[in-house]
C-alpha atoms as a PDB file:
ATOM      1  CA  MET A   1     -33.804 -39.537   0.695  1.00  0.00           C
ATOM      2  CA  ARG A   2     -33.016 -37.756   3.878  1.00  0.00           C
ATOM      3  CA  ILE A   3     -31.622 -41.030   5.351  1.00  0.00           C
ATOM      4  CA  GLY A   4     -29.288 -41.279   2.371  1.00  0.00           C
ATOM      5  CA  LEU A   5     -27.760 -37.846   3.243  1.00  0.00           C
ATOM      6  CA  THR A   6     -27.340 -38.803   6.773  1.00  0.00           C
ATOM      7  CA  VAL A   7     -25.406 -42.007   5.870  1.00  0.00           C
ATOM      8  CA  SER A   8     -23.235 -40.044   3.297  1.00  0.00           C
ATOM      9  CA  MET A   9     -22.188 -37.508   5.846  1.00  0.00           C
ATOM     10  CA  ALA A  10     -21.376 -40.171   8.318  1.00  0.00           C
ATOM     11  CA  LEU A  11     -18.922 -41.521   5.849  1.00  0.00           C
ATOM     12  CA  LEU A  12     -17.242 -38.162   5.237  1.00  0.00           C
ATOM     13  CA  LEU A  13     -15.443 -38.223   8.612  1.00  0.00           C
ATOM     14  CA  VAL A  14     -15.105 -41.666  10.008  1.00  0.00           C
ATOM     15  CA  PHE A  15     -14.249 -41.587  13.728  1.00  0.00           C
ATOM     16  CA  PRO A  16     -12.910 -44.488  15.735  1.00  0.00           C
ATOM     17  CA  SER A  17     -15.121 -46.180  18.282  1.00  0.00           C
ATOM     18  CA  TRP A  18     -13.666 -45.662  21.844  1.00  0.00           C
ATOM     19  CA  ALA A  19     -14.858 -47.534  24.802  1.00  0.00           C
ATOM     20  CA  LYS A  20     -16.509 -45.376  27.349  1.00  0.00           C
ATOM     21  CA  GLN A  21     -14.930 -45.308  30.773  1.00  0.00           C
ATOM     22  CA  THR A  22     -16.309 -46.329  34.193  1.00  0.00           C
ATOM     23  CA  THR A  23     -17.608 -43.151  35.936  1.00  0.00           C
ATOM     24  CA  PRO A  24     -14.764 -42.207  38.319  1.00  0.00           C
ATOM     25  CA  ASN A  25     -16.719 -40.969  41.312  1.00  0.00           C
ATOM     26  CA  TRP A  26     -13.605 -41.059  43.446  1.00  0.00           C
ATOM     27  CA  LEU A  27     -12.161 -38.314  41.045  1.00  0.00           C
ATOM     28  CA  PHE A  28     -15.066 -36.065  41.356  1.00  0.00           C
ATOM     29  CA  SER A  29     -15.003 -36.301  45.110  1.00  0.00           C
ATOM     30  CA  LYS A  30     -11.280 -35.457  45.360  1.00  0.00           C
ATOM     31  CA  LEU A  31     -11.980 -32.428  43.185  1.00  0.00           C
ATOM     32  CA  ASN A  32     -15.088 -31.373  45.199  1.00  0.00           C
ATOM     33  CA  LEU A  33     -17.278 -31.573  42.140  1.00  0.00           C
ATOM     34  CA  GLN A  34     -20.889 -32.457  41.966  1.00  0.00           C
ATOM     35  CA  ALA A  35     -21.037 -35.796  40.047  1.00  0.00           C
ATOM     36  CA  ASP A  36     -24.453 -35.019  38.561  1.00  0.00           C
ATOM     37  CA  SER A  37     -23.016 -31.932  36.751  1.00  0.00           C
ATOM     38  CA  VAL A  38     -20.444 -34.103  34.910  1.00  0.00           C
ATOM     39  CA  LYS A  39     -21.315 -35.104  31.347  1.00  0.00           C
ATOM     40  CA  THR A  40     -20.613 -38.770  31.897  1.00  0.00           C
ATOM     41  CA  SER A  41     -21.066 -39.712  28.233  1.00  0.00           C
ATOM     42  CA  LEU A  42     -18.033 -37.716  27.395  1.00  0.00           C
ATOM     43  CA  ILE A  43     -15.611 -39.021  30.035  1.00  0.00           C
ATOM     44  CA  ALA A  44     -12.314 -40.299  28.503  1.00  0.00           C
ATOM     45  CA  SER A  45      -9.203 -41.820  30.070  1.00  0.00           C
ATOM     46  CA  LYS A  46      -5.991 -43.372  28.780  1.00  0.00           C
ATOM     47  CA  LYS A  47      -2.828 -44.662  30.360  1.00  0.00           C
ATOM     48  CA  HIS A  48      -0.039 -42.047  30.468  1.00  0.00           C
ATOM     49  CA  PRO A  49       2.510 -42.815  27.691  1.00  0.00           C
ATOM     50  CA  LEU A  50       5.576 -42.232  30.025  1.00  0.00           C
ATOM     51  CA  ASN A  51       4.567 -43.804  33.303  1.00  0.00           C
ATOM     52  CA  ASP A  52       1.811 -45.792  35.092  1.00  0.00           C
ATOM     53  CA  ASN A  53      -0.447 -42.695  35.686  1.00  0.00           C
ATOM     54  CA  VAL A  54      -3.780 -42.235  34.006  1.00  0.00           C
ATOM     55  CA  ILE A  55      -4.927 -39.227  31.982  1.00  0.00           C
ATOM     56  CA  TRP A  56      -8.583 -38.260  32.529  1.00  0.00           C
ATOM     57  CA  CYS A  57     -10.639 -35.819  30.734  1.00  0.00           C
ATOM     58  CA  PHE A  58     -14.287 -34.869  31.266  1.00  0.00           C
ATOM     59  CA  PRO A  59     -16.771 -31.841  30.943  1.00  0.00           C
ATOM     60  CA  LEU A  60     -18.409 -30.219  33.953  1.00  0.00           C
ATOM     61  CA  ILE A  61     -21.550 -28.448  33.104  1.00  0.00           C
ATOM     62  CA  THR A  62     -21.751 -24.990  34.310  1.00  0.00           C
ATOM     63  CA  GLU A  63     -24.755 -23.543  32.343  1.00  0.00           C
ATOM     64  CA  TYR A  64     -27.801 -25.330  31.175  1.00  0.00           C
ATOM     65  CA  ASP A  65     -30.730 -24.111  29.074  1.00  0.00           C
ATOM     66  CA  CYS A  66     -33.685 -26.603  29.635  1.00  0.00           C
ATOM     67  CA  ASP A  67     -35.788 -25.162  26.899  1.00  0.00           C
ATOM     68  CA  ARG A  68     -33.226 -25.494  24.183  1.00  0.00           C
ATOM     69  CA  GLU A  69     -31.306 -28.450  25.843  1.00  0.00           C
ATOM     70  CA  CYS A  70     -28.062 -26.462  25.353  1.00  0.00           C
ATOM     71  CA  TRP A  71     -25.190 -26.331  27.852  1.00  0.00           C
ATOM     72  CA  VAL A  72     -21.743 -24.799  28.487  1.00  0.00           C
ATOM     73  CA  ALA A  73     -19.136 -26.845  30.312  1.00  0.00           C
ATOM     74  CA  ASP A  74     -15.637 -26.506  31.809  1.00  0.00           C
ATOM     75  CA  LEU A  75     -13.225 -29.051  30.619  1.00  0.00           C
ATOM     76  CA  PHE A  76     -11.219 -30.931  33.341  1.00  0.00           C
ATOM     77  CA  VAL A  77      -7.865 -32.619  32.326  1.00  0.00           C
ATOM     78  CA  VAL A  78      -6.444 -34.621  35.335  1.00  0.00           C
ATOM     79  CA  ILE A  79      -3.437 -36.933  35.732  1.00  0.00           C
ATOM     80  CA  ALA A  80      -3.848 -39.395  38.491  1.00  0.00           C
ATOM     81  CA  THR A  81      -2.108 -42.470  39.857  1.00  0.00           C
ATOM     82  CA  ALA A  82      -3.413 -45.872  39.273  1.00  0.00           C
ATOM     83  CA  ASP A  83      -4.299 -46.038  42.956  1.00  0.00           C
ATOM     84  CA  GLU A  84      -6.543 -42.845  42.616  1.00  0.00           C
ATOM     85  CA  GLU A  85      -4.362 -40.132  43.800  1.00  0.00           C
ATOM     86  CA  ILE A  86      -4.340 -36.916  41.864  1.00  0.00           C
ATOM     87  CA  VAL A  87      -0.941 -35.791  40.419  1.00  0.00           C
ATOM     88  CA  THR A  88      -1.982 -32.565  38.783  1.00  0.00           C
ATOM     89  CA  TYR A  89      -4.953 -31.157  36.919  1.00  0.00           C
ATOM     90  CA  SER A  90      -6.263 -27.992  35.119  1.00  0.00           C
ATOM     91  CA  ARG A  91      -9.735 -26.706  34.541  1.00  0.00           C
ATOM     92  CA  PHE A  92     -10.440 -24.827  31.285  1.00  0.00           C
ATOM     93  CA  GLU A  93     -13.512 -22.670  31.760  1.00  0.00           C
ATOM     94  CA  SER A  94     -16.219 -22.597  29.097  1.00  0.00           C
ATOM     95  CA  ALA A  95     -14.263 -24.874  26.883  1.00  0.00           C
ATOM     96  CA  LEU A  96     -17.148 -26.873  25.534  1.00  0.00           C
ATOM     97  CA  ILE A  97     -20.520 -25.645  24.242  1.00  0.00           C
ATOM     98  CA  SER A  98     -23.375 -27.900  23.153  1.00  0.00           C
ATOM     99  CA  ASP A  99     -25.756 -25.927  20.870  1.00  0.00           C
ATOM    100  CA  ALA A 100     -26.578 -26.332  17.188  1.00  0.00           C
ATOM    101  CA  VAL A 101     -23.152 -27.995  16.984  1.00  0.00           C
ATOM    102  CA  TYR A 102     -22.484 -30.260  19.898  1.00  0.00           C
ATOM    103  CA  PRO A 103     -19.717 -32.641  21.102  1.00  0.00           C
ATOM    104  CA  PHE A 104     -20.512 -36.393  20.967  1.00  0.00           C
ATOM    105  CA  ASP A 105     -17.207 -37.999  21.813  1.00  0.00           C
ATOM    106  CA  ILE A 106     -13.847 -37.066  23.510  1.00  0.00           C
ATOM    107  CA  TRP A 107     -10.722 -39.259  23.283  1.00  0.00           C
ATOM    108  CA  ILE A 108      -7.207 -38.883  24.407  1.00  0.00           C
ATOM    109  CA  ASP A 109      -4.370 -39.089  21.812  1.00  0.00           C
ATOM    110  CA  THR A 110      -0.973 -40.196  23.204  1.00  0.00           C
ATOM    111  CA  ALA A 111       1.038 -40.182  20.022  1.00  0.00           C
ATOM    112  CA  PRO A 112       4.508 -38.811  20.563  1.00  0.00           C
ATOM    113  CA  PHE A 113       4.003 -35.108  20.289  1.00  0.00           C
ATOM    114  CA  ASN A 114       7.492 -34.016  21.228  1.00  0.00           C
ATOM    115  CA  VAL A 115       7.239 -30.264  21.376  1.00  0.00           C
ATOM    116  CA  SER A 116      10.812 -29.776  22.667  1.00  0.00           C
ATOM    117  CA  VAL A 117      13.904 -31.745  23.460  1.00  0.00           C
ATOM    118  CA  SER A 118      12.682 -32.423  26.961  1.00  0.00           C
ATOM    119  CA  HIS A 119       8.813 -32.114  26.755  1.00  0.00           C
ATOM    120  CA  ARG A 120       6.288 -34.670  25.322  1.00  0.00           C
ATOM    121  CA  ALA A 121       2.674 -33.521  24.964  1.00  0.00           C
ATOM    122  CA  PHE A 122      -0.531 -35.365  24.507  1.00  0.00           C
ATOM    123  CA  GLY A 123      -3.568 -34.549  22.553  1.00  0.00           C
ATOM    124  CA  ILE A 124      -7.435 -34.312  23.262  1.00  0.00           C
ATOM    125  CA  ARG A 125      -9.650 -34.799  20.286  1.00  0.00           C
ATOM    126  CA  ILE A 126     -13.287 -33.574  20.537  1.00  0.00           C
ATOM    127  CA  GLU A 127     -15.649 -34.945  17.990  1.00  0.00           C
ATOM    128  CA  LEU A 128     -18.560 -32.694  16.879  1.00  0.00           C
ATOM    129  CA  THR A 129     -21.708 -33.022  15.026  1.00  0.00           C
ATOM    130  CA  THR A 130     -25.259 -31.432  14.358  1.00  0.00           C
ATOM    131  CA  ASN A 131     -28.785 -32.607  13.976  1.00  0.00           C
ATOM    132  CA  SER A 132     -29.497 -30.011  11.264  1.00  0.00           C
ATOM    133  CA  ARG A 133     -30.665 -31.525   7.988  1.00  0.00           C
ATOM    134  CA  ALA A 134     -30.378 -28.215   5.966  1.00  0.00           C
ATOM    135  CA  ALA A 135     -26.653 -27.928   6.760  1.00  0.00           C
ATOM    136  CA  SER A 136     -25.233 -31.202   8.057  1.00  0.00           C
ATOM    137  CA  TYR A 137     -21.924 -30.918   9.900  1.00  0.00           C
ATOM    138  CA  SER A 138     -19.265 -33.230  11.427  1.00  0.00           C
ATOM    139  CA  GLY A 139     -15.874 -32.167  12.772  1.00  0.00           C
ATOM    140  CA  GLU A 140     -13.041 -32.576  15.199  1.00  0.00           C
ATOM    141  CA  GLU A 141     -11.186 -30.215  17.388  1.00  0.00           C
ATOM    142  CA  PHE A 142      -7.521 -30.940  18.500  1.00  0.00           C
ATOM    143  CA  LEU A 143      -6.115 -29.671  21.840  1.00  0.00           C
ATOM    144  CA  LEU A 144      -2.450 -30.152  22.499  1.00  0.00           C
ATOM    145  CA  MET A 145      -1.760 -30.492  26.161  1.00  0.00           C
ATOM    146  CA  LEU A 146       1.546 -30.364  28.206  1.00  0.00           C
ATOM    147  CA  GLU A 147       1.930 -31.652  31.804  1.00  0.00           C
ATOM    148  CA  ARG A 148       3.793 -29.238  34.066  1.00  0.00           C
ATOM    149  CA  GLN A 149       4.654 -29.797  37.647  1.00  0.00           C
ATOM    150  CA  ASP A 150       1.669 -28.210  39.094  1.00  0.00           C
ATOM    151  CA  SER A 151      -0.766 -27.805  36.084  1.00  0.00           C
ATOM    152  CA  ILE A 152      -1.633 -28.923  32.463  1.00  0.00           C
ATOM    153  CA  ASP A 153      -1.131 -26.275  29.862  1.00  0.00           C
ATOM    154  CA  GLN A 154      -3.076 -26.040  26.707  1.00  0.00           C
ATOM    155  CA  LEU A 155      -0.544 -25.256  23.953  1.00  0.00           C
ATOM    156  CA  PHE A 156      -2.816 -25.432  20.852  1.00  0.00           C
ATOM    157  CA  ARG A 157      -6.435 -25.691  19.979  1.00  0.00           C
ATOM    158  CA  ILE A 158      -7.538 -25.982  16.458  1.00  0.00           C
ATOM    159  CA  ASP A 159     -10.204 -27.528  14.206  1.00  0.00           C
ATOM    160  CA  SER A 160      -8.522 -30.484  12.525  1.00  0.00           C
ATOM    161  CA  LYS A 161     -11.415 -32.091  10.582  1.00  0.00           C
ATOM    162  CA  THR A 162     -14.588 -30.465   9.094  1.00  0.00           C
ATOM    163  CA  ALA A 163     -17.220 -31.609   6.737  1.00  0.00           C
ATOM    164  CA  VAL A 164     -20.256 -29.413   5.943  1.00  0.00           C
ATOM    165  CA  ALA A 165     -23.005 -30.289   3.465  1.00  0.00           C
ATOM    166  CA  TYR A 166     -25.763 -27.959   2.199  1.00  0.00           C
ATOM    167  CA  GLY A 167     -28.738 -29.494   0.384  1.00  0.00           C
ATOM    168  CA  GLY A 168     -31.857 -29.648   2.597  1.00  0.00           C
ATOM    169  CA  GLY A 169     -31.960 -33.487   2.692  1.00  0.00           C
ATOM    170  CA  GLU A 170     -31.573 -34.649  -0.859  1.00  0.00           C
ATOM    171  CA  CYS A 171     -28.403 -36.411  -1.930  1.00  0.00           C
ATOM    172  CA  GLN A 172     -28.299 -35.208  -5.483  1.00  0.00           C
ATOM    173  CA  GLU A 173     -26.715 -31.718  -5.820  1.00  0.00           C
ATOM    174  CA  THR A 174     -25.931 -31.628  -2.173  1.00  0.00           C
ATOM    175  CA  GLU A 175     -22.799 -29.425  -1.846  1.00  0.00           C
ATOM    176  CA  VAL A 176     -20.024 -30.530   0.395  1.00  0.00           C
ATOM    177  CA  HIS A 177     -16.906 -28.738   1.845  1.00  0.00           C
ATOM    178  CA  LYS A 178     -14.554 -31.063   3.471  1.00  0.00           C
ATOM    179  CA  ARG A 179     -11.296 -30.234   5.241  1.00  0.00           C
ATOM    180  CA  GLU A 180      -8.737 -32.400   7.146  1.00  0.00           C
ATOM    181  CA  SER A 181      -5.374 -31.585   8.734  1.00  0.00           C
ATOM    182  CA  LEU A 182      -2.140 -33.548   9.334  1.00  0.00           C
ATOM    183  CA  PHE A 183       0.169 -31.962  12.039  1.00  0.00           C
ATOM    184  CA  ILE A 184       3.859 -32.542  11.970  1.00  0.00           C
ATOM    185  CA  ILE A 185       6.484 -31.572  14.527  1.00  0.00           C
ATOM    186  CA  ASP A 186       9.245 -29.740  12.748  1.00  0.00           C
ATOM    187  CA  LYS A 187      12.402 -30.238  14.890  1.00  0.00           C
ATOM    188  CA  GLU A 188      14.520 -28.147  12.532  1.00  0.00           C
ATOM    189  CA  ASN A 189      12.604 -24.942  13.337  1.00  0.00           C
ATOM    190  CA  VAL A 190      12.976 -24.049  16.993  1.00  0.00           C
ATOM    191  CA  VAL A 191      11.312 -21.018  18.464  1.00  0.00           C
ATOM    192  CA  ASN A 192      11.504 -20.138  22.213  1.00  0.00           C
ATOM    193  CA  SER A 193      13.028 -23.609  22.799  1.00  0.00           C
ATOM    194  CA  HIS A 194       9.958 -25.354  21.272  1.00  0.00           C
ATOM    195  CA  PHE A 195       9.802 -27.100  17.940  1.00  0.00           C
ATOM    196  CA  SER A 196       7.437 -25.699  15.371  1.00  0.00           C
ATOM    197  CA  ILE A 197       4.360 -27.364  14.095  1.00  0.00           C
ATOM    198  CA  ILE A 198       3.529 -27.723  10.456  1.00  0.00           C
ATOM    199  CA  GLU A 199      -0.149 -28.267   9.384  1.00  0.00           C
ATOM    200  CA  ASN A 200      -0.678 -29.901   6.108  1.00  0.00           C
ATOM    201  CA  LEU A 201      -4.289 -29.102   5.243  1.00  0.00           C
ATOM    202  CA  LYS A 202      -6.341 -30.659   2.412  1.00  0.00           C
ATOM    203  CA  TYR A 203      -9.506 -28.900   1.347  1.00  0.00           C
ATOM    204  CA  GLN A 204     -12.112 -30.548  -0.969  1.00  0.00           C
ATOM    205  CA  HIS A 205     -15.257 -29.271  -2.528  1.00  0.00           C
ATOM    206  CA  PHE A 206     -17.644 -31.471  -4.412  1.00  0.00           C
ATOM    207  CA  PHE A 207     -21.390 -32.380  -5.005  1.00  0.00           C
ATOM    208  CA  LEU A 208     -23.092 -35.629  -4.100  1.00  0.00           C
ATOM    209  CA  THR A 209     -24.587 -37.799  -6.815  1.00  0.00           C
ATOM    210  CA  GLU A 210     -28.092 -39.096  -6.746  1.00  0.00           C
ATOM    211  CA  ASP A 211     -26.652 -42.409  -5.201  1.00  0.00           C
ATOM    212  CA  CYS A 212     -25.208 -40.316  -2.398  1.00  0.00           C
ATOM    213  CA  GLU A 213     -21.641 -40.910  -3.753  1.00  0.00           C
ATOM    214  CA  GLU A 214     -18.900 -38.245  -3.789  1.00  0.00           C
ATOM    215  CA  GLY A 215     -18.784 -36.522  -7.134  1.00  0.00           C
ATOM    216  CA  ASN A 216     -15.850 -34.857  -8.944  1.00  0.00           C
ATOM    217  CA  LYS A 217     -13.710 -33.040  -6.425  1.00  0.00           C
ATOM    218  CA  ASP A 218     -11.852 -29.630  -6.479  1.00  0.00           C
ATOM    219  CA  THR A 219      -8.938 -30.200  -4.195  1.00  0.00           C
ATOM    220  CA  GLU A 220      -6.477 -27.734  -2.667  1.00  0.00           C
ATOM    221  CA  GLN A 221      -3.507 -28.210  -0.423  1.00  0.00           C
ATOM    222  CA  PHE A 222      -2.291 -25.712   2.161  1.00  0.00           C
ATOM    223  CA  LYS A 223       0.641 -25.470   4.546  1.00  0.00           C
ATOM    224  CA  ASN A 224       0.421 -23.523   7.745  1.00  0.00           C
ATOM    225  CA  VAL A 225       3.229 -23.098  10.363  1.00  0.00           C
ATOM    226  CA  PHE A 226       2.696 -22.576  14.124  1.00  0.00           C
ATOM    227  CA  VAL A 227       5.471 -21.393  16.404  1.00  0.00           C
ATOM    228  CA  PHE A 228       5.557 -21.171  20.273  1.00  0.00           C
ATOM    229  CA  GLU A 229       5.022 -17.597  21.464  1.00  0.00           C
ATOM    230  CA  GLY A 230       3.595 -16.494  24.773  1.00  0.00           C
ATOM    231  CA  GLY A 231       3.023 -19.875  26.202  1.00  0.00           C
ATOM    232  CA  LYS A 232       1.012 -21.136  23.168  1.00  0.00           C
ATOM    233  CA  TYR A 233       1.396 -22.129  19.554  1.00  0.00           C
ATOM    234  CA  GLN A 234       0.511 -19.236  17.232  1.00  0.00           C
ATOM    235  CA  ALA A 235       0.006 -19.301  13.421  1.00  0.00           C
ATOM    236  CA  VAL A 236       2.739 -17.493  11.326  1.00  0.00           C
ATOM    237  CA  GLY A 237       0.621 -15.132   9.405  1.00  0.00           C
ATOM    238  CA  GLN A 238      -3.093 -15.942   8.686  1.00  0.00           C
ATOM    239  CA  ARG A 239      -4.018 -19.571   8.658  1.00  0.00           C
ATOM    240  CA  GLN A 240      -5.064 -20.775   5.175  1.00  0.00           C
ATOM    241  CA  THR A 241      -8.005 -23.243   5.212  1.00  0.00           C
ATOM    242  CA  GLY A 242      -9.597 -22.962   1.723  1.00  0.00           C
ATOM    243  CA  TRP A 243     -12.756 -21.350   3.035  1.00  0.00           C
END
């Protein structure tokens, strides 16, 4: 029965399968990093949507607890040329934590996030999970990044998908809370020369059946608006999530 719950939770949030990248030791060398401190299973790269450069993203572990097998990592976001020259990069300190909830995949989203008339951002999506059977969890964080001349700025960081199940391992009567967000660029609402972002959020609450199927759902829809202030996107009022 515990296996049934694990399978069911896996179906709540279906993530794409992204090919892992070849370890870019040349990149670590140019950044003067110890390659053995890089979490290589979480390296991601993708061609830049506007030119022939490549976007790289990877965690560098800065703290490690051997007893608990937990770690804290800085997140590097790098733009480099195809012939292995660094164009620009930023290091976000203590951006990732692996504890009860831990990241298991990172991928780069190059959809056209046009945040202003002249600026197109890109996304980094961090997939999260847990090994807990008493409270199963899967989720995703979305980071909106903008390339500047000498850095990469993080404009926005938010939980974009969440599914939590309480039940102790049995499918029947397992309680599930599920939340998923869709972000839309609102070009009609401009604040500080940047378009606003609308979050359309769907929240669902239901119980699993004895066959590990989703039962009757209570569903709510929420709309949140984020505007550009102080170099980042901020929620207008308190963000509504259903929880």
